[in-house]
Amino acid sequence: MPDSQRSNTLGERLENDEVALGVLDSTYSPTLVELYGDLGLDFVWIDLEHGGPSPWDAGALENLLRAAEVTDTELLVRVPTSQPEGIRKALDAGVRNVFLARAEGAAEVRQAVEAARFRYEDEPGKRGLAAPRARRWGMADEYVATEDAETMVGVTVETRETLAELDEILAIDGLGFVFIGPLDLSVQLGHPGELDHPEVREAVETVRSKAIDAGVPVGGLGFGMDDVNEKVEQGYRMLNLGSTTGALQAAVGDWLDAFEGDRP
C-alpha cells in the first residue's frame, strides 16, 4: 500500500530559487509527456484553455499524469477558468500544479488558491475531502497535510484586471507563481501580437519586477534559447522553451530544406 505521495519537484525547484524548464505539449499525448520526462524536462505544460480535452475529463488527465509520474516530471496544467469546482476536479485527479487563465482580479485568484487548500490562513479551506486518485483511493497517509504542502496554484497575468490589481495578487497567501502572458497582454493593451510595443514591454517589465520584489516566482515564454538565457538572468524561474508542434515544424522544415532531390 502507498505510504505517502511523491513530492512536487516543480514546486521544490521554485522554492529553492532554481530554474525550471518545460515544453507545451500541444498534442496532449501521454507518450510525448513520457518522452519529455525522459529527456529531462522539469515540467510539461498542458493547456486546457486553448485546446485539449475537457477540463472535466478526469480520465484524460489521469493518463497524462501517469506518463509524467513514471518519468519524474511534473504536469503544469492551465485551467480555462478560475472556478473552484474545476480546480478541485483537477487536483483530485492528481494534478499538483495548476495556473489560472483570464483571471479577472485579486479576489478571483484568492478564491482559487483557497479552493486548493484544506486549511488556508489558519482557517478551514475550501477543498473537499474524498478518496480520489490524488489520495491513492484512500490509501495515502497524511493526505491532507501532504496535499496542502505539495499543491501549487499560480496565475497568468494577461488581463487588464490582473495587471491593475497586481500588488494585491502578489500579496495573496499561498500564491505559487505568476506566469506572464505577453500575447494576451498585447491584445488587452490594444496592440495584438506587437510584443515589442513600448506599452506591452512596460507591462511585462512591471509584472516581472514587482513579482521578484514580492518574492513570488516568475514564469514566462521563451522565444528562442538566447531569450530563455536572458530571462533567467532577469530573474525568471519557470520558462517554457516551446511547443511540440513548434519543434516538429522546425525539425521537419529543416529536413525538407536539406533535401537535395526534386520535389513537386
Protein backbone atom coordinates (compact mmCIF):
# COMPACT_ATOMS: atom_id res chain seq x y z
CA MET A 1 0.00 0.00 0.00
CA PRO A 2 1.24 3.53 -0.71
CA ASP A 3 2.50 5.21 2.45
CA SER A 4 2.95 8.69 1.03
CA GLN A 5 2.69 10.78 -2.11
CA ARG A 6 5.72 11.79 -4.10
CA SER A 7 6.96 15.32 -3.66
CA ASN A 8 6.25 18.12 -6.12
CA THR A 9 9.60 18.54 -7.87
CA LEU A 10 8.49 21.67 -9.74
CA GLY A 11 7.46 23.32 -6.50
CA GLU A 12 10.76 22.30 -4.93
CA ARG A 13 12.75 23.90 -7.73
CA LEU A 14 10.90 27.19 -7.35
CA GLU A 15 11.17 27.05 -3.56
CA ASN A 16 14.94 26.60 -3.91
CA ASP A 17 15.20 29.50 -6.40
CA GLU A 18 16.22 27.13 -9.19
CA VAL A 19 15.18 27.37 -12.83
CA ALA A 20 12.51 25.01 -14.16
CA LEU A 21 12.33 24.34 -17.90
CA GLY A 22 9.38 22.86 -19.75
CA VAL A 23 7.56 22.44 -23.04
CA LEU A 24 3.94 22.95 -24.04
CA ASP A 25 2.61 19.64 -25.33
CA SER A 26 0.04 20.84 -27.84
CA THR A 27 -0.83 17.25 -28.84
CA TYR A 28 -1.99 16.17 -25.36
CA SER A 29 -0.19 12.87 -25.80
CA PRO A 30 0.80 10.69 -22.81
CA THR A 31 3.56 9.21 -24.98
CA LEU A 32 5.09 12.63 -25.57
CA VAL A 33 4.72 13.62 -21.92
CA GLU A 34 6.66 10.48 -21.03
CA LEU A 35 9.30 11.26 -23.66
CA TYR A 36 9.70 14.83 -22.40
CA GLY A 37 10.23 13.47 -18.91
CA ASP A 38 12.89 11.06 -20.13
CA LEU A 39 14.58 13.94 -21.95
CA GLY A 40 14.95 15.70 -18.60
CA LEU A 41 12.37 18.48 -18.68
CA ASP A 42 11.15 19.74 -15.32
CA PHE A 43 7.55 20.17 -16.44
CA VAL A 44 5.18 19.62 -19.34
CA TRP A 45 2.61 22.36 -19.84
CA ILE A 46 -0.89 21.06 -20.55
CA ASP A 47 -3.05 23.96 -21.69
CA LEU A 48 -6.76 23.29 -21.25
CA GLU A 49 -7.66 26.88 -22.16
CA HIS A 50 -6.90 26.84 -25.89
CA GLY A 51 -7.39 23.16 -26.67
CA GLY A 52 -7.08 19.62 -25.46
CA PRO A 53 -9.55 17.50 -23.51
CA SER A 54 -12.34 18.97 -21.46
CA PRO A 55 -11.06 20.05 -18.02
CA TRP A 56 -13.83 17.84 -16.64
CA ASP A 57 -12.38 14.75 -18.36
CA ALA A 58 -10.51 13.23 -15.41
CA GLY A 59 -9.64 10.13 -17.42
CA ALA A 60 -7.66 12.10 -20.00
CA LEU A 61 -5.82 13.97 -17.25
CA GLU A 62 -5.05 10.74 -15.41
CA ASN A 63 -3.32 9.25 -18.46
CA LEU A 64 -1.20 12.37 -18.87
CA LEU A 65 -0.38 12.29 -15.15
CA ARG A 66 0.69 8.64 -15.27
CA ALA A 67 3.11 9.46 -18.08
CA ALA A 68 4.56 12.33 -16.04
CA GLU A 69 4.81 10.32 -12.85
CA VAL A 70 6.67 7.40 -14.41
CA THR A 71 9.41 9.77 -15.63
CA ASP A 72 9.53 12.05 -12.57
CA THR A 73 8.42 15.17 -14.38
CA GLU A 74 5.50 17.43 -13.46
CA LEU A 75 2.40 18.50 -15.31
CA LEU A 76 1.72 22.22 -15.29
CA VAL A 77 -2.00 22.42 -16.06
CA ARG A 78 -3.61 25.68 -17.12
CA VAL A 79 -7.31 25.54 -16.36
CA PRO A 80 -9.62 27.63 -18.57
CA THR A 81 -11.45 29.31 -15.70
CA SER A 82 -10.76 30.15 -12.07
CA GLN A 83 -13.91 28.44 -10.82
CA PRO A 84 -13.17 26.42 -7.67
CA GLU A 85 -15.02 23.33 -8.95
CA GLY A 86 -12.66 22.94 -11.90
CA ILE A 87 -9.58 23.43 -9.77
CA ARG A 88 -10.70 20.85 -7.23
CA LYS A 89 -11.52 18.41 -10.04
CA ALA A 90 -8.00 18.68 -11.49
CA LEU A 91 -6.37 18.34 -8.07
CA ASP A 92 -8.41 15.26 -7.19
CA ALA A 93 -7.20 13.62 -10.41
CA GLY A 94 -3.65 14.10 -9.16
CA VAL A 95 -2.54 17.44 -10.64
CA ARG A 96 -0.37 19.39 -8.22
CA ASN A 97 0.44 22.44 -10.36
CA VAL A 98 -2.42 24.49 -11.77
CA PHE A 99 -2.49 28.01 -13.08
CA LEU A 100 -5.35 30.23 -14.00
CA ALA A 101 -6.22 31.72 -17.35
CA ARG A 102 -8.07 35.01 -17.87
CA ALA A 103 -8.43 35.79 -14.17
CA GLU A 104 -10.37 38.99 -13.55
CA GLY A 105 -8.72 40.26 -10.40
CA ALA A 106 -7.26 39.53 -7.00
CA ALA A 107 -10.47 38.26 -5.40
CA GLU A 108 -10.83 35.59 -8.07
CA VAL A 109 -7.21 34.47 -7.66
CA ARG A 110 -7.53 34.31 -3.89
CA GLN A 111 -10.71 32.24 -4.21
CA ALA A 112 -8.85 29.77 -6.44
CA VAL A 113 -5.91 29.45 -4.03
CA GLU A 114 -8.30 28.89 -1.12
CA ALA A 115 -10.20 26.25 -3.13
CA ALA A 116 -6.98 24.24 -3.42
CA ARG A 117 -6.35 24.08 0.34
CA PHE A 118 -7.78 22.02 3.17
CA ARG A 119 -6.52 24.71 5.53
CA TYR A 120 -5.96 28.29 4.48
CA GLU A 121 -4.64 31.13 6.64
CA ASP A 122 -5.19 29.03 9.79
CA GLU A 123 -8.85 28.52 8.89
CA PRO A 124 -10.70 25.70 7.10
CA GLY A 125 -10.01 25.83 3.37
CA LYS A 126 -12.41 25.15 0.52
CA ARG A 127 -11.04 21.84 -0.79
CA GLY A 128 -13.28 18.81 -0.44
CA LEU A 129 -12.03 15.70 1.31
CA ALA A 130 -12.69 12.43 -0.52
CA ALA A 131 -10.73 9.38 -1.68
CA PRO A 132 -9.87 10.16 -5.34
CA ARG A 133 -6.76 9.28 -7.29
CA ALA A 134 -4.79 12.07 -5.59
CA ARG A 135 -5.35 10.26 -2.30
CA ARG A 136 -4.49 6.90 -3.86
CA TRP A 137 -8.15 6.00 -3.41
CA GLY A 138 -7.94 6.46 0.34
CA MET A 139 -4.65 4.64 0.91
CA ALA A 140 -2.25 7.62 1.15
CA ASP A 141 -1.06 8.56 4.62
CA GLU A 142 -1.14 12.17 5.82
CA TYR A 143 -3.03 13.15 2.69
CA VAL A 144 -4.35 16.49 3.92
CA ALA A 145 -1.01 17.81 5.12
CA THR A 146 0.85 16.49 2.08
CA GLU A 147 -1.61 17.90 -0.43
CA ASP A 148 -1.56 21.34 1.14
CA ALA A 149 2.25 21.31 1.12
CA GLU A 150 2.65 19.99 -2.42
CA THR A 151 -0.15 21.76 -4.31
CA MET A 152 0.82 24.91 -6.20
CA VAL A 153 -1.60 27.42 -7.70
CA GLY A 154 -0.39 30.20 -9.97
CA VAL A 155 -1.96 32.77 -12.23
CA THR A 156 -1.32 34.04 -15.73
CA VAL A 157 -1.09 37.83 -15.69
CA GLU A 158 -2.65 38.55 -19.07
CA THR A 159 -5.70 40.75 -18.45
CA ARG A 160 -6.18 44.41 -17.60
CA GLU A 161 -7.75 43.36 -14.30
CA THR A 162 -4.80 41.25 -13.16
CA LEU A 163 -2.41 43.97 -14.25
CA ALA A 164 -4.35 46.66 -12.37
CA GLU A 165 -4.57 44.54 -9.20
CA LEU A 166 -1.09 43.08 -9.43
CA ASP A 167 0.03 44.28 -5.99
CA GLU A 168 -2.99 42.65 -4.34
CA ILE A 169 -2.44 39.42 -6.28
CA LEU A 170 1.22 39.21 -5.30
CA ALA A 171 0.24 39.59 -1.65
CA ILE A 172 -2.13 36.58 -1.70
CA ASP A 173 -1.06 34.00 0.85
CA GLY A 174 -0.15 30.71 -0.83
CA LEU A 175 0.20 32.03 -4.39
CA GLY A 176 2.72 29.71 -6.05
CA PHE A 177 3.85 31.82 -9.01
CA VAL A 178 2.84 34.32 -11.66
CA PHE A 179 3.15 33.47 -15.34
CA ILE A 180 3.47 36.45 -17.66
CA GLY A 181 1.24 36.22 -20.74
CA PRO A 182 2.62 38.76 -23.22
CA LEU A 183 0.43 37.66 -26.12
CA ASP A 184 -2.87 38.24 -24.35
CA LEU A 185 -1.48 41.37 -22.71
CA SER A 186 -0.73 42.74 -26.17
CA VAL A 187 -4.38 42.16 -27.11
CA GLN A 188 -5.67 43.70 -23.87
CA LEU A 189 -3.48 46.77 -24.34
CA GLY A 190 -4.66 47.30 -27.92
CA HIS A 191 -1.55 46.07 -29.73
CA PRO A 192 -2.29 42.47 -30.77
CA GLY A 193 0.89 40.50 -31.42
CA GLU A 194 3.15 43.56 -31.02
CA LEU A 195 5.32 42.19 -28.23
CA ASP A 196 7.91 44.91 -28.77
CA HIS A 197 5.40 47.73 -28.42
CA PRO A 198 6.55 50.02 -25.58
CA GLU A 199 3.28 49.67 -23.69
CA VAL A 200 3.44 45.86 -23.84
CA ARG A 201 7.11 45.78 -22.85
CA GLU A 202 6.38 48.11 -19.94
CA ALA A 203 3.55 45.88 -18.71
CA VAL A 204 5.73 42.76 -18.89
CA GLU A 205 8.54 44.51 -17.02
CA THR A 206 6.13 45.75 -14.36
CA VAL A 207 4.93 42.21 -13.67
CA ARG A 208 8.45 40.79 -13.66
CA SER A 209 9.97 43.38 -11.35
CA LYS A 210 7.07 43.54 -8.90
CA ALA A 211 6.86 39.75 -8.62
CA ILE A 212 10.57 39.45 -7.92
CA ASP A 213 10.36 42.23 -5.32
CA ALA A 214 7.45 40.37 -3.68
CA GLY A 215 9.35 37.08 -3.64
CA VAL A 216 6.87 35.37 -6.00
CA PRO A 217 8.45 33.12 -8.68
CA VAL A 218 8.03 34.38 -12.23
CA GLY A 219 7.23 32.16 -15.21
CA GLY A 220 7.09 33.02 -18.87
CA LEU A 221 7.53 32.10 -22.51
CA GLY A 222 10.94 31.62 -24.10
CA PHE A 223 11.30 32.90 -27.66
CA GLY A 224 14.48 31.02 -28.56
CA MET A 225 17.32 29.99 -26.28
CA ASP A 226 19.02 33.40 -26.29
CA ASP A 227 15.79 34.82 -24.91
CA VAL A 228 15.49 31.99 -22.36
CA ASN A 229 19.02 32.58 -21.08
CA GLU A 230 18.44 36.33 -20.91
CA LYS A 231 15.21 35.83 -18.95
CA VAL A 232 16.98 33.58 -16.46
CA GLU A 233 19.42 36.44 -15.87
CA GLN A 234 16.42 38.73 -15.38
CA GLY A 235 15.07 36.52 -12.60
CA TYR A 236 12.56 34.26 -14.38
CA ARG A 237 12.43 30.89 -12.67
CA MET A 238 9.99 28.93 -14.84
CA LEU A 239 10.35 29.05 -18.60
CA ASN A 240 8.51 27.35 -21.43
CA LEU A 241 11.01 26.51 -24.17
CA GLY A 242 8.49 25.92 -26.94
CA SER A 243 5.79 23.54 -28.07
CA THR A 244 5.51 20.08 -29.58
CA THR A 245 4.06 21.46 -32.80
CA GLY A 246 6.70 24.19 -32.99
CA ALA A 247 9.51 21.66 -32.52
CA LEU A 248 8.05 19.40 -35.20
CA GLN A 249 7.60 22.28 -37.64
CA ALA A 250 11.22 23.33 -37.17
CA ALA A 251 12.62 19.81 -37.47
CA VAL A 252 10.57 18.75 -40.48
CA GLY A 253 11.15 22.11 -42.16
CA ASP A 254 14.91 21.69 -41.76
CA TRP A 255 14.76 18.16 -43.16
CA LEU A 256 12.83 19.31 -46.21
CA ASP A 257 15.14 22.29 -46.75
CA ALA A 258 18.18 19.98 -46.65
CA PHE A 259 16.75 17.52 -49.15
CA GLU A 260 18.66 17.79 -52.43
CA GLY A 261 16.26 15.90 -54.67
CA ASP A 262 13.35 17.21 -56.71
CA ARG A 263 10.02 17.85 -55.04
CA PRO A 264 6.73 18.97 -56.57
